[in-house]
Amino acid sequence: MRPILLSLLLSSSVYAAAPSDAPPPLPATESEAKVLEAPEIRVIEKTDATIAEYRLRGKLYMMKVTPKVGLPYFLVDKEGQGRFDRSDDLGGSNLSVPRWVIFEF
């Protein structure tokens, strides 16, 4: 009885010390290491309105104008040429689709 118990205890300790079959973690890639850029928001207070300018990489692409009296509206540069079109809401028929830069060469 004693040799059987001894062999069971020794075999369990060998089994516990066996390396796991799990693969090692993958190293972080460059795309995972890069932090996504958040837009810069600059708020300008005027006497008749508050203007929030949204910039990405220094380029102005949208402004939110909140007048002291009335509803807020957006000025959006849809084509990236510096011409801003007024949009009372960002939904509906004038939907502005996100245009994220995935790769840039």
PDB file of N, CA and C in Angstrom:
ATOM      1  N   MET A   1       0.822  -1.186   0.000  1.00  0.00           N
ATOM      2  CA  MET A   1       0.000   0.000   0.000  1.00  0.00           C
ATOM      3  C   MET A   1       0.870   1.255   0.000  1.00  0.00           C
ATOM      4  N   ARG A   2       1.938   1.193   0.793  1.00  0.00           N
ATOM      5  CA  ARG A   2       2.808   2.337   0.895  1.00  0.00           C
ATOM      6  C   ARG A   2       3.513   2.644  -0.433  1.00  0.00           C
ATOM      7  N   PRO A   3       4.006   1.677  -1.213  1.00  0.00           N
ATOM      8  CA  PRO A   3       4.650   1.986  -2.493  1.00  0.00           C
ATOM      9  C   PRO A   3       3.659   2.581  -3.495  1.00  0.00           C
ATOM     10  N   ILE A   4       2.415   2.152  -3.452  1.00  0.00           N
ATOM     11  CA  ILE A   4       1.410   2.694  -4.377  1.00  0.00           C
ATOM     12  C   ILE A   4       1.135   4.161  -4.043  1.00  0.00           C
ATOM     13  N   LEU A   5       0.972   4.449  -2.782  1.00  0.00           N
ATOM     14  CA  LEU A   5       0.730   5.819  -2.351  1.00  0.00           C
ATOM     15  C   LEU A   5       1.915   6.716  -2.700  1.00  0.00           C
ATOM     16  N   LEU A   6       3.121   6.224  -2.488  1.00  0.00           N
ATOM     17  CA  LEU A   6       4.320   6.984  -2.810  1.00  0.00           C
ATOM     18  C   LEU A   6       4.413   7.252  -4.315  1.00  0.00           C
ATOM     19  N   SER A   7       4.107   6.258  -5.124  1.00  0.00           N
ATOM     20  CA  SER A   7       4.158   6.450  -6.580  1.00  0.00           C
ATOM     21  C   SER A   7       3.074   7.420  -7.048  1.00  0.00           C
ATOM     22  N   LEU A   8       1.904   7.403  -6.445  1.00  0.00           N
ATOM     23  CA  LEU A   8       0.849   8.358  -6.800  1.00  0.00           C
ATOM     24  C   LEU A   8       1.247   9.785  -6.444  1.00  0.00           C
ATOM     25  N   LEU A   9       1.820   9.981  -5.287  1.00  0.00           N
ATOM     26  CA  LEU A   9       2.248  11.313  -4.873  1.00  0.00           C
ATOM     27  C   LEU A   9       3.359  11.850  -5.772  1.00  0.00           C
ATOM     28  N   LEU A  10       4.314  11.017  -6.110  1.00  0.00           N
ATOM     29  CA  LEU A  10       5.403  11.461  -6.982  1.00  0.00           C
ATOM     30  C   LEU A  10       4.913  11.755  -8.392  1.00  0.00           C
ATOM     31  N   SER A  11       4.008  10.951  -8.900  1.00  0.00           N
ATOM     32  CA  SER A  11       3.506  11.188 -10.257  1.00  0.00           C
ATOM     33  C   SER A  11       2.659  12.452 -10.323  1.00  0.00           C
ATOM     34  N   SER A  12       1.927  12.758  -9.260  1.00  0.00           N
ATOM     35  CA  SER A  12       1.122  13.982  -9.272  1.00  0.00           C
ATOM     36  C   SER A  12       2.009  15.220  -9.223  1.00  0.00           C
ATOM     37  N   SER A  13       3.137  15.153  -8.514  1.00  0.00           N
ATOM     38  CA  SER A  13       4.037  16.305  -8.475  1.00  0.00           C
ATOM     39  C   SER A  13       4.701  16.520  -9.832  1.00  0.00           C
ATOM     40  N   VAL A  14       5.000  15.465 -10.549  1.00  0.00           N
ATOM     41  CA  VAL A  14       5.570  15.587 -11.890  1.00  0.00           C
ATOM     42  C   VAL A  14       4.534  16.178 -12.838  1.00  0.00           C
ATOM     43  N   TYR A  15       3.309  15.761 -12.710  1.00  0.00           N
ATOM     44  CA  TYR A  15       2.236  16.282 -13.566  1.00  0.00           C
ATOM     45  C   TYR A  15       2.004  17.768 -13.292  1.00  0.00           C
ATOM     46  N   ALA A  16       2.082  18.177 -12.038  1.00  0.00           N
ATOM     47  CA  ALA A  16       1.872  19.579 -11.685  1.00  0.00           C
ATOM     48  C   ALA A  16       3.005  20.454 -12.216  1.00  0.00           C
ATOM     49  N   ALA A  17       4.205  19.912 -12.350  1.00  0.00           N
ATOM     50  CA  ALA A  17       5.345  20.688 -12.818  1.00  0.00           C
ATOM     51  C   ALA A  17       5.452  20.716 -14.339  1.00  0.00           C
ATOM     52  N   ALA A  18       4.581  20.004 -15.047  1.00  0.00           N
ATOM     53  CA  ALA A  18       4.643  19.966 -16.511  1.00  0.00           C
ATOM     54  C   ALA A  18       4.267  21.332 -17.083  1.00  0.00           C
ATOM     55  N   PRO A  19       4.967  21.775 -18.130  1.00  0.00           N
ATOM     56  CA  PRO A  19       4.635  23.076 -18.725  1.00  0.00           C
ATOM     57  C   PRO A  19       3.269  23.023 -19.403  1.00  0.00           C
ATOM     58  N   SER A  20       2.616  24.171 -19.420  1.00  0.00           N
ATOM     59  CA  SER A  20       1.284  24.219 -20.032  1.00  0.00           C
ATOM     60  C   SER A  20       1.411  24.256 -21.552  1.00  0.00           C
ATOM     61  N   ASP A  21       0.358  23.851 -22.216  1.00  0.00           N
ATOM     62  CA  ASP A  21       0.340  23.829 -23.678  1.00  0.00           C
ATOM     63  C   ASP A  21      -0.114  25.157 -24.269  1.00  0.00           C
ATOM     64  N   ALA A  22      -0.382  26.153 -23.446  1.00  0.00           N
ATOM     65  CA  ALA A  22      -0.848  27.446 -23.946  1.00  0.00           C
ATOM     66  C   ALA A  22       0.297  28.154 -24.667  1.00  0.00           C
ATOM     67  N   PRO A  23       0.014  28.751 -25.828  1.00  0.00           N
ATOM     68  CA  PRO A  23       1.072  29.457 -26.558  1.00  0.00           C
ATOM     69  C   PRO A  23       1.457  30.739 -25.817  1.00  0.00           C
ATOM     70  N   PRO A  24       2.677  31.199 -26.008  1.00  0.00           N
ATOM     71  CA  PRO A  24       3.090  32.442 -25.348  1.00  0.00           C
ATOM     72  C   PRO A  24       2.336  33.625 -25.959  1.00  0.00           C
ATOM     73  N   PRO A  25       2.166  34.707 -25.225  1.00  0.00           N
ATOM     74  CA  PRO A  25       1.444  35.865 -25.763  1.00  0.00           C
ATOM     75  C   PRO A  25       2.211  36.489 -26.929  1.00  0.00           C
ATOM     76  N   LEU A  26       1.462  36.984 -27.901  1.00  0.00           N
ATOM     77  CA  LEU A  26       2.065  37.613 -29.072  1.00  0.00           C
ATOM     78  C   LEU A  26       2.599  38.990 -28.707  1.00  0.00           C
ATOM     79  N   PRO A  27       3.694  39.403 -29.321  1.00  0.00           N
ATOM     80  CA  PRO A  27       4.191  40.754 -29.050  1.00  0.00           C
ATOM     81  C   PRO A  27       3.257  41.785 -29.673  1.00  0.00           C
ATOM     82  N   ALA A  28       3.223  42.966 -29.104  1.00  0.00           N
ATOM     83  CA  ALA A  28       2.352  44.030 -29.602  1.00  0.00           C
ATOM     84  C   ALA A  28       2.849  44.502 -30.964  1.00  0.00           C
ATOM     85  N   THR A  29       1.934  44.661 -31.905  1.00  0.00           N
ATOM     86  CA  THR A  29       2.290  45.154 -33.232  1.00  0.00           C
ATOM     87  C   THR A  29       2.307  46.674 -33.214  1.00  0.00           C
ATOM     88  N   GLU A  30       2.804  47.262 -34.293  1.00  0.00           N
ATOM     89  CA  GLU A  30       2.875  48.717 -34.370  1.00  0.00           C
ATOM     90  C   GLU A  30       1.500  49.345 -34.330  1.00  0.00           C
ATOM     91  N   SER A  31       0.533  48.732 -35.026  1.00  0.00           N
ATOM     92  CA  SER A  31      -0.799  49.324 -35.071  1.00  0.00           C
ATOM     93  C   SER A  31      -1.461  49.295 -33.705  1.00  0.00           C
ATOM     94  N   GLU A  32      -1.178  48.280 -32.902  1.00  0.00           N
ATOM     95  CA  GLU A  32      -1.742  48.234 -31.557  1.00  0.00           C
ATOM     96  C   GLU A  32      -1.030  49.213 -30.635  1.00  0.00           C
ATOM     97  N   ALA A  33       0.226  49.461 -30.907  1.00  0.00           N
ATOM     98  CA  ALA A  33       0.998  50.347 -30.048  1.00  0.00           C
ATOM     99  C   ALA A  33       0.635  51.812 -30.278  1.00  0.00           C
ATOM    100  N   LYS A  34       0.171  52.151 -31.482  1.00  0.00           N
ATOM    101  CA  LYS A  34      -0.187  53.531 -31.773  1.00  0.00           C
ATOM    102  C   LYS A  34      -1.480  53.892 -31.048  1.00  0.00           C
ATOM    103  N   VAL A  35      -1.510  55.058 -30.518  1.00  0.00           N
ATOM    104  CA  VAL A  35      -2.711  55.545 -29.852  1.00  0.00           C
ATOM    105  C   VAL A  35      -3.510  56.332 -30.881  1.00  0.00           C
ATOM    106  N   LEU A  36      -4.808  56.083 -30.923  1.00  0.00           N
ATOM    107  CA  LEU A  36      -5.652  56.800 -31.867  1.00  0.00           C
ATOM    108  C   LEU A  36      -5.683  58.280 -31.509  1.00  0.00           C
ATOM    109  N   GLU A  37      -5.646  59.097 -32.546  1.00  0.00           N
ATOM    110  CA  GLU A  37      -5.657  60.528 -32.325  1.00  0.00           C
ATOM    111  C   GLU A  37      -7.070  60.997 -32.015  1.00  0.00           C
ATOM    112  N   ALA A  38      -7.191  61.824 -31.032  1.00  0.00           N
ATOM    113  CA  ALA A  38      -8.469  62.435 -30.701  1.00  0.00           C
ATOM    114  C   ALA A  38      -8.475  63.834 -31.305  1.00  0.00           C
ATOM    115  N   PRO A  39      -9.635  64.309 -31.737  1.00  0.00           N
ATOM    116  CA  PRO A  39      -9.671  65.652 -32.308  1.00  0.00           C
ATOM    117  C   PRO A  39      -9.398  66.709 -31.240  1.00  0.00           C
ATOM    118  N   GLU A  40      -8.747  67.774 -31.670  1.00  0.00           N
ATOM    119  CA  GLU A  40      -8.524  68.914 -30.785  1.00  0.00           C
ATOM    120  C   GLU A  40      -9.780  69.767 -30.828  1.00  0.00           C
ATOM    121  N   ILE A  41     -10.289  70.147 -29.680  1.00  0.00           N
ATOM    122  CA  ILE A  41     -11.494  70.968 -29.617  1.00  0.00           C
ATOM    123  C   ILE A  41     -11.127  72.281 -28.947  1.00  0.00           C
ATOM    124  N   ARG A  42     -11.353  73.363 -29.667  1.00  0.00           N
ATOM    125  CA  ARG A  42     -11.070  74.695 -29.140  1.00  0.00           C
ATOM    126  C   ARG A  42     -12.382  75.449 -29.036  1.00  0.00           C
ATOM    127  N   VAL A  43     -12.709  75.943 -27.862  1.00  0.00           N
ATOM    128  CA  VAL A  43     -13.970  76.647 -27.627  1.00  0.00           C
ATOM    129  C   VAL A  43     -13.694  78.142 -27.599  1.00  0.00           C
ATOM    130  N   ILE A  44     -14.456  78.878 -28.421  1.00  0.00           N
ATOM    131  CA  ILE A  44     -14.320  80.329 -28.508  1.00  0.00           C
ATOM    132  C   ILE A  44     -15.620  80.947 -28.010  1.00  0.00           C
ATOM    133  N   GLU A  45     -15.527  81.753 -26.967  1.00  0.00           N
ATOM    134  CA  GLU A  45     -16.698  82.434 -26.407  1.00  0.00           C
ATOM    135  C   GLU A  45     -16.792  83.825 -27.030  1.00  0.00           C
ATOM    136  N   LYS A  46     -17.929  84.117 -27.651  1.00  0.00           N
ATOM    137  CA  LYS A  46     -18.195  85.450 -28.189  1.00  0.00           C
ATOM    138  C   LYS A  46     -19.424  86.002 -27.483  1.00  0.00           C
ATOM    139  N   THR A  47     -19.744  87.252 -27.754  1.00  0.00           N
ATOM    140  CA  THR A  47     -20.883  87.868 -27.064  1.00  0.00           C
ATOM    141  C   THR A  47     -22.209  87.275 -27.509  1.00  0.00           C
ATOM    142  N   ASP A  48     -22.309  86.857 -28.768  1.00  0.00           N
ATOM    143  CA  ASP A  48     -23.588  86.357 -29.276  1.00  0.00           C
ATOM    144  C   ASP A  48     -23.620  84.851 -29.487  1.00  0.00           C
ATOM    145  N   ALA A  49     -22.473  84.167 -29.388  1.00  0.00           N
ATOM    146  CA  ALA A  49     -22.451  82.721 -29.643  1.00  0.00           C
ATOM    147  C   ALA A  49     -21.199  82.088 -29.039  1.00  0.00           C
ATOM    148  N   THR A  50     -21.261  80.770 -28.924  1.00  0.00           N
ATOM    149  CA  THR A  50     -20.107  79.969 -28.525  1.00  0.00           C
ATOM    150  C   THR A  50     -19.756  79.064 -29.698  1.00  0.00           C
ATOM    151  N   ILE A  51     -18.497  79.072 -30.106  1.00  0.00           N
ATOM    152  CA  ILE A  51     -18.064  78.285 -31.256  1.00  0.00           C
ATOM    153  C   ILE A  51     -17.062  77.241 -30.775  1.00  0.00           C
ATOM    154  N   ALA A  52     -17.333  75.990 -31.119  1.00  0.00           N
ATOM    155  CA  ALA A  52     -16.407  74.899 -30.812  1.00  0.00           C
ATOM    156  C   ALA A  52     -15.783  74.451 -32.128  1.00  0.00           C
ATOM    157  N   GLU A  53     -14.467  74.597 -32.244  1.00  0.00           N
ATOM    158  CA  GLU A  53     -13.751  74.202 -33.458  1.00  0.00           C
ATOM    159  C   GLU A  53     -13.155  72.817 -33.258  1.00  0.00           C
ATOM    160  N   TYR A  54     -13.403  71.925 -34.194  1.00  0.00           N
ATOM    161  CA  TYR A  54     -12.882  70.558 -34.146  1.00  0.00           C
ATOM    162  C   TYR A  54     -11.781  70.433 -35.187  1.00  0.00           C
ATOM    163  N   ARG A  55     -10.575  70.089 -34.735  1.00  0.00           N
ATOM    164  CA  ARG A  55      -9.422  69.954 -35.623  1.00  0.00           C
ATOM    165  C   ARG A  55      -8.814  68.573 -35.462  1.00  0.00           C
ATOM    166  N   LEU A  56      -8.335  68.036 -36.589  1.00  0.00           N
ATOM    167  CA  LEU A  56      -7.612  66.774 -36.583  1.00  0.00           C
ATOM    168  C   LEU A  56      -6.325  66.993 -37.354  1.00  0.00           C
ATOM    169  N   ARG A  57      -5.194  66.756 -36.700  1.00  0.00           N
ATOM    170  CA  ARG A  57      -3.864  67.026 -37.265  1.00  0.00           C
ATOM    171  C   ARG A  57      -3.723  68.489 -37.686  1.00  0.00           C
ATOM    172  N   GLY A  58      -4.332  69.381 -36.926  1.00  0.00           N
ATOM    173  CA  GLY A  58      -4.226  70.804 -37.187  1.00  0.00           C
ATOM    174  C   GLY A  58      -5.179  71.341 -38.230  1.00  0.00           C
ATOM    175  N   LYS A  59      -5.955  70.481 -38.877  1.00  0.00           N
ATOM    176  CA  LYS A  59      -6.869  70.923 -39.931  1.00  0.00           C
ATOM    177  C   LYS A  59      -8.288  71.027 -39.377  1.00  0.00           C
ATOM    178  N   LEU A  60      -8.900  72.187 -39.564  1.00  0.00           N
ATOM    179  CA  LEU A  60     -10.262  72.432 -39.108  1.00  0.00           C
ATOM    180  C   LEU A  60     -11.235  71.694 -40.018  1.00  0.00           C
ATOM    181  N   TYR A  61     -12.075  70.814 -39.441  1.00  0.00           N
ATOM    182  CA  TYR A  61     -13.021  70.060 -40.265  1.00  0.00           C
ATOM    183  C   TYR A  61     -14.469  70.248 -39.845  1.00  0.00           C
ATOM    184  N   MET A  62     -14.724  70.801 -38.656  1.00  0.00           N
ATOM    185  CA  MET A  62     -16.104  71.001 -38.234  1.00  0.00           C
ATOM    186  C   MET A  62     -16.147  72.071 -37.155  1.00  0.00           C
ATOM    187  N   MET A  63     -17.237  72.842 -37.156  1.00  0.00           N
ATOM    188  CA  MET A  63     -17.477  73.827 -36.112  1.00  0.00           C
ATOM    189  C   MET A  63     -18.904  73.657 -35.611  1.00  0.00           C
ATOM    190  N   LYS A  64     -19.073  73.755 -34.304  1.00  0.00           N
ATOM    191  CA  LYS A  64     -20.404  73.742 -33.711  1.00  0.00           C
ATOM    192  C   LYS A  64     -20.658  75.138 -33.170  1.00  0.00           C
ATOM    193  N   VAL A  65     -21.694  75.775 -33.701  1.00  0.00           N
ATOM    194  CA  VAL A  65     -22.038  77.130 -33.296  1.00  0.00           C
ATOM    195  C   VAL A  65     -23.271  77.049 -32.407  1.00  0.00           C
ATOM    196  N   THR A  66     -23.144  77.540 -31.191  1.00  0.00           N
ATOM    197  CA  THR A  66     -24.264  77.572 -30.255  1.00  0.00           C
ATOM    198  C   THR A  66     -24.567  79.034 -29.963  1.00  0.00           C
ATOM    199  N   PRO A  67     -25.601  79.586 -30.634  1.00  0.00           N
ATOM    200  CA  PRO A  67     -25.942  80.989 -30.379  1.00  0.00           C
ATOM    201  C   PRO A  67     -26.573  81.154 -28.996  1.00  0.00           C
ATOM    202  N   LYS A  68     -26.498  82.381 -28.460  1.00  0.00           N
ATOM    203  CA  LYS A  68     -27.114  82.648 -27.156  1.00  0.00           C
ATOM    204  C   LYS A  68     -28.624  82.459 -27.231  1.00  0.00           C
ATOM    205  N   VAL A  69     -29.215  82.812 -28.376  1.00  0.00           N
ATOM    206  CA  VAL A  69     -30.651  82.631 -28.596  1.00  0.00           C
ATOM    207  C   VAL A  69     -30.807  81.751 -29.828  1.00  0.00           C
ATOM    208  N   GLY A  70     -31.475  80.625 -29.683  1.00  0.00           N
ATOM    209  CA  GLY A  70     -31.702  79.742 -30.822  1.00  0.00           C
ATOM    210  C   GLY A  70     -31.036  78.390 -30.638  1.00  0.00           C
ATOM    211  N   LEU A  71     -31.188  77.566 -31.666  1.00  0.00           N
ATOM    212  CA  LEU A  71     -30.670  76.203 -31.634  1.00  0.00           C
ATOM    213  C   LEU A  71     -29.237  76.140 -32.173  1.00  0.00           C
ATOM    214  N   PRO A  72     -28.436  75.230 -31.666  1.00  0.00           N
ATOM    215  CA  PRO A  72     -27.076  75.077 -32.203  1.00  0.00           C
ATOM    216  C   PRO A  72     -27.102  74.463 -33.601  1.00  0.00           C
ATOM    217  N   TYR A  73     -26.078  74.765 -34.377  1.00  0.00           N
ATOM    218  CA  TYR A  73     -25.934  74.183 -35.712  1.00  0.00           C
ATOM    219  C   TYR A  73     -24.459  73.900 -35.961  1.00  0.00           C
ATOM    220  N   PHE A  74     -24.211  73.099 -36.993  1.00  0.00           N
ATOM    221  CA  PHE A  74     -22.852  72.671 -37.322  1.00  0.00           C
ATOM    222  C   PHE A  74     -22.449  73.230 -38.676  1.00  0.00           C
ATOM    223  N   LEU A  75     -21.185  73.573 -38.808  1.00  0.00           N
ATOM    224  CA  LEU A  75     -20.581  73.915 -40.088  1.00  0.00           C
ATOM    225  C   LEU A  75     -19.552  72.825 -40.364  1.00  0.00           C
ATOM    226  N   VAL A  76     -19.778  72.061 -41.448  1.00  0.00           N
ATOM    227  CA  VAL A  76     -18.963  70.885 -41.727  1.00  0.00           C
ATOM    228  C   VAL A  76     -18.266  71.048 -43.067  1.00  0.00           C
ATOM    229  N   ASP A  77     -16.967  70.770 -43.093  1.00  0.00           N
ATOM    230  CA  ASP A  77     -16.180  70.765 -44.326  1.00  0.00           C
ATOM    231  C   ASP A  77     -16.216  69.339 -44.875  1.00  0.00           C
ATOM    232  N   LYS A  78     -17.200  69.047 -45.725  1.00  0.00           N
ATOM    233  CA  LYS A  78     -17.421  67.674 -46.191  1.00  0.00           C
ATOM    234  C   LYS A  78     -16.371  67.200 -47.182  1.00  0.00           C
ATOM    235  N   GLU A  79     -15.805  68.113 -47.966  1.00  0.00           N
ATOM    236  CA  GLU A  79     -14.864  67.719 -49.018  1.00  0.00           C
ATOM    237  C   GLU A  79     -13.412  68.003 -48.650  1.00  0.00           C
ATOM    238  N   GLY A  80     -13.175  68.644 -47.527  1.00  0.00           N
ATOM    239  CA  GLY A  80     -11.813  68.939 -47.104  1.00  0.00           C
ATOM    240  C   GLY A  80     -11.164  70.077 -47.852  1.00  0.00           C
ATOM    241  N   GLN A  81     -11.966  70.959 -48.478  1.00  0.00           N
ATOM    242  CA  GLN A  81     -11.416  72.055 -49.271  1.00  0.00           C
ATOM    243  C   GLN A  81     -11.555  73.410 -48.584  1.00  0.00           C
ATOM    244  N   GLY A  82     -12.029  73.424 -47.338  1.00  0.00           N
ATOM    245  CA  GLY A  82     -12.161  74.681 -46.621  1.00  0.00           C
ATOM    246  C   GLY A  82     -13.503  75.357 -46.808  1.00  0.00           C
ATOM    247  N   ARG A  83     -14.429  74.710 -47.493  1.00  0.00           N
ATOM    248  CA  ARG A  83     -15.776  75.266 -47.688  1.00  0.00           C
ATOM    249  C   ARG A  83     -16.712  74.576 -46.699  1.00  0.00           C
ATOM    250  N   PHE A  84     -17.300  75.351 -45.802  1.00  0.00           N
ATOM    251  CA  PHE A  84     -18.134  74.792 -44.752  1.00  0.00           C
ATOM    252  C   PHE A  84     -19.605  74.921 -45.123  1.00  0.00           C
ATOM    253  N   ASP A  85     -20.317  73.809 -45.030  1.00  0.00           N
ATOM    254  CA  ASP A  85     -21.751  73.768 -45.294  1.00  0.00           C
ATOM    255  C   ASP A  85     -22.484  73.688 -43.969  1.00  0.00           C
ATOM    256  N   ARG A  86     -23.602  74.415 -43.893  1.00  0.00           N
ATOM    257  CA  ARG A  86     -24.381  74.419 -42.656  1.00  0.00           C
ATOM    258  C   ARG A  86     -25.227  73.163 -42.561  1.00  0.00           C
ATOM    259  N   SER A  87     -25.262  72.625 -41.367  1.00  0.00           N
ATOM    260  CA  SER A  87     -26.074  71.454 -41.088  1.00  0.00           C
ATOM    261  C   SER A  87     -26.721  71.671 -39.728  1.00  0.00           C
ATOM    262  N   ASP A  88     -28.061  71.701 -39.705  1.00  0.00           N
ATOM    263  CA  ASP A  88     -28.759  71.910 -38.437  1.00  0.00           C
ATOM    264  C   ASP A  88     -28.709  70.674 -37.561  1.00  0.00           C
ATOM    265  N   ASP A  89     -28.592  69.520 -38.183  1.00  0.00           N
ATOM    266  CA  ASP A  89     -28.407  68.281 -37.434  1.00  0.00           C
ATOM    267  C   ASP A  89     -27.491  67.384 -38.250  1.00  0.00           C
ATOM    268  N   LEU A  90     -26.848  66.457 -37.602  1.00  0.00           N
ATOM    269  CA  LEU A  90     -25.934  65.560 -38.309  1.00  0.00           C
ATOM    270  C   LEU A  90     -26.611  64.262 -38.712  1.00  0.00           C
ATOM    271  N   GLY A  91     -27.895  64.183 -38.631  1.00  0.00           N
ATOM    272  CA  GLY A  91     -28.622  62.981 -39.037  1.00  0.00           C
ATOM    273  C   GLY A  91     -29.550  63.307 -40.195  1.00  0.00           C
ATOM    274  N   GLY A  92     -30.395  62.374 -40.551  1.00  0.00           N
ATOM    275  CA  GLY A  92     -31.359  62.604 -41.614  1.00  0.00           C
ATOM    276  C   GLY A  92     -30.741  62.511 -42.987  1.00  0.00           C
ATOM    277  N   SER A  93     -31.244  63.340 -43.913  1.00  0.00           N
ATOM    278  CA  SER A  93     -30.787  63.265 -45.299  1.00  0.00           C
ATOM    279  C   SER A  93     -29.390  63.858 -45.477  1.00  0.00           C
ATOM    280  N   ASN A  94     -28.965  64.717 -44.569  1.00  0.00           N
ATOM    281  CA  ASN A  94     -27.636  65.327 -44.671  1.00  0.00           C
ATOM    282  C   ASN A  94     -26.626  64.597 -43.794  1.00  0.00           C
ATOM    283  N   LEU A  95     -26.718  63.285 -43.767  1.00  0.00           N
ATOM    284  CA  LEU A  95     -25.853  62.477 -42.914  1.00  0.00           C
ATOM    285  C   LEU A  95     -24.397  62.621 -43.340  1.00  0.00           C
ATOM    286  N   SER A  96     -23.556  62.955 -42.397  1.00  0.00           N
ATOM    287  CA  SER A  96     -22.125  63.073 -42.649  1.00  0.00           C
ATOM    288  C   SER A  96     -21.453  61.782 -42.198  1.00  0.00           C
ATOM    289  N   VAL A  97     -21.000  60.991 -43.154  1.00  0.00           N
ATOM    290  CA  VAL A  97     -20.411  59.691 -42.866  1.00  0.00           C
ATOM    291  C   VAL A  97     -18.997  59.883 -42.328  1.00  0.00           C
ATOM    292  N   PRO A  98     -18.601  59.145 -41.288  1.00  0.00           N
ATOM    293  CA  PRO A  98     -17.230  59.267 -40.780  1.00  0.00           C
ATOM    294  C   PRO A  98     -16.215  58.900 -41.859  1.00  0.00           C
ATOM    295  N   ARG A  99     -15.157  59.700 -41.965  1.00  0.00           N
ATOM    296  CA  ARG A  99     -14.099  59.449 -42.940  1.00  0.00           C
ATOM    297  C   ARG A  99     -12.786  59.357 -42.192  1.00  0.00           C
ATOM    298  N   TRP A 100     -12.564  58.215 -41.570  1.00  0.00           N
ATOM    299  CA  TRP A 100     -11.349  58.004 -40.801  1.00  0.00           C
ATOM    300  C   TRP A 100     -10.205  57.653 -41.730  1.00  0.00           C
ATOM    301  N   VAL A 101      -9.029  58.113 -41.399  1.00  0.00           N
ATOM    302  CA  VAL A 101      -7.824  57.776 -42.148  1.00  0.00           C
ATOM    303  C   VAL A 101      -7.286  56.471 -41.569  1.00  0.00           C
ATOM    304  N   ILE A 102      -7.293  55.411 -42.386  1.00  0.00           N
ATOM    305  CA  ILE A 102      -6.808  54.117 -41.925  1.00  0.00           C
ATOM    306  C   ILE A 102      -5.313  53.993 -42.203  1.00  0.00           C
ATOM    307  N   PHE A 103      -4.927  54.240 -43.429  1.00  0.00           N
ATOM    308  CA  PHE A 103      -3.514  54.230 -43.801  1.00  0.00           C
ATOM    309  C   PHE A 103      -3.197  55.528 -44.513  1.00  0.00           C
ATOM    310  N   GLU A 104      -2.008  56.048 -44.282  1.00  0.00           N
ATOM    311  CA  GLU A 104      -1.593  57.266 -44.954  1.00  0.00           C
ATOM    312  C   GLU A 104      -0.157  57.076 -45.414  1.00  0.00           C
ATOM    313  N   PHE A 105       0.097  57.310 -46.685  1.00  0.00           N
ATOM    314  CA  PHE A 105       1.428  57.126 -47.248  1.00  0.00           C
ATOM    315  C   PHE A 105       2.064  58.452 -47.551  1.00  0.00           C
TER     316      PHE A 105
END
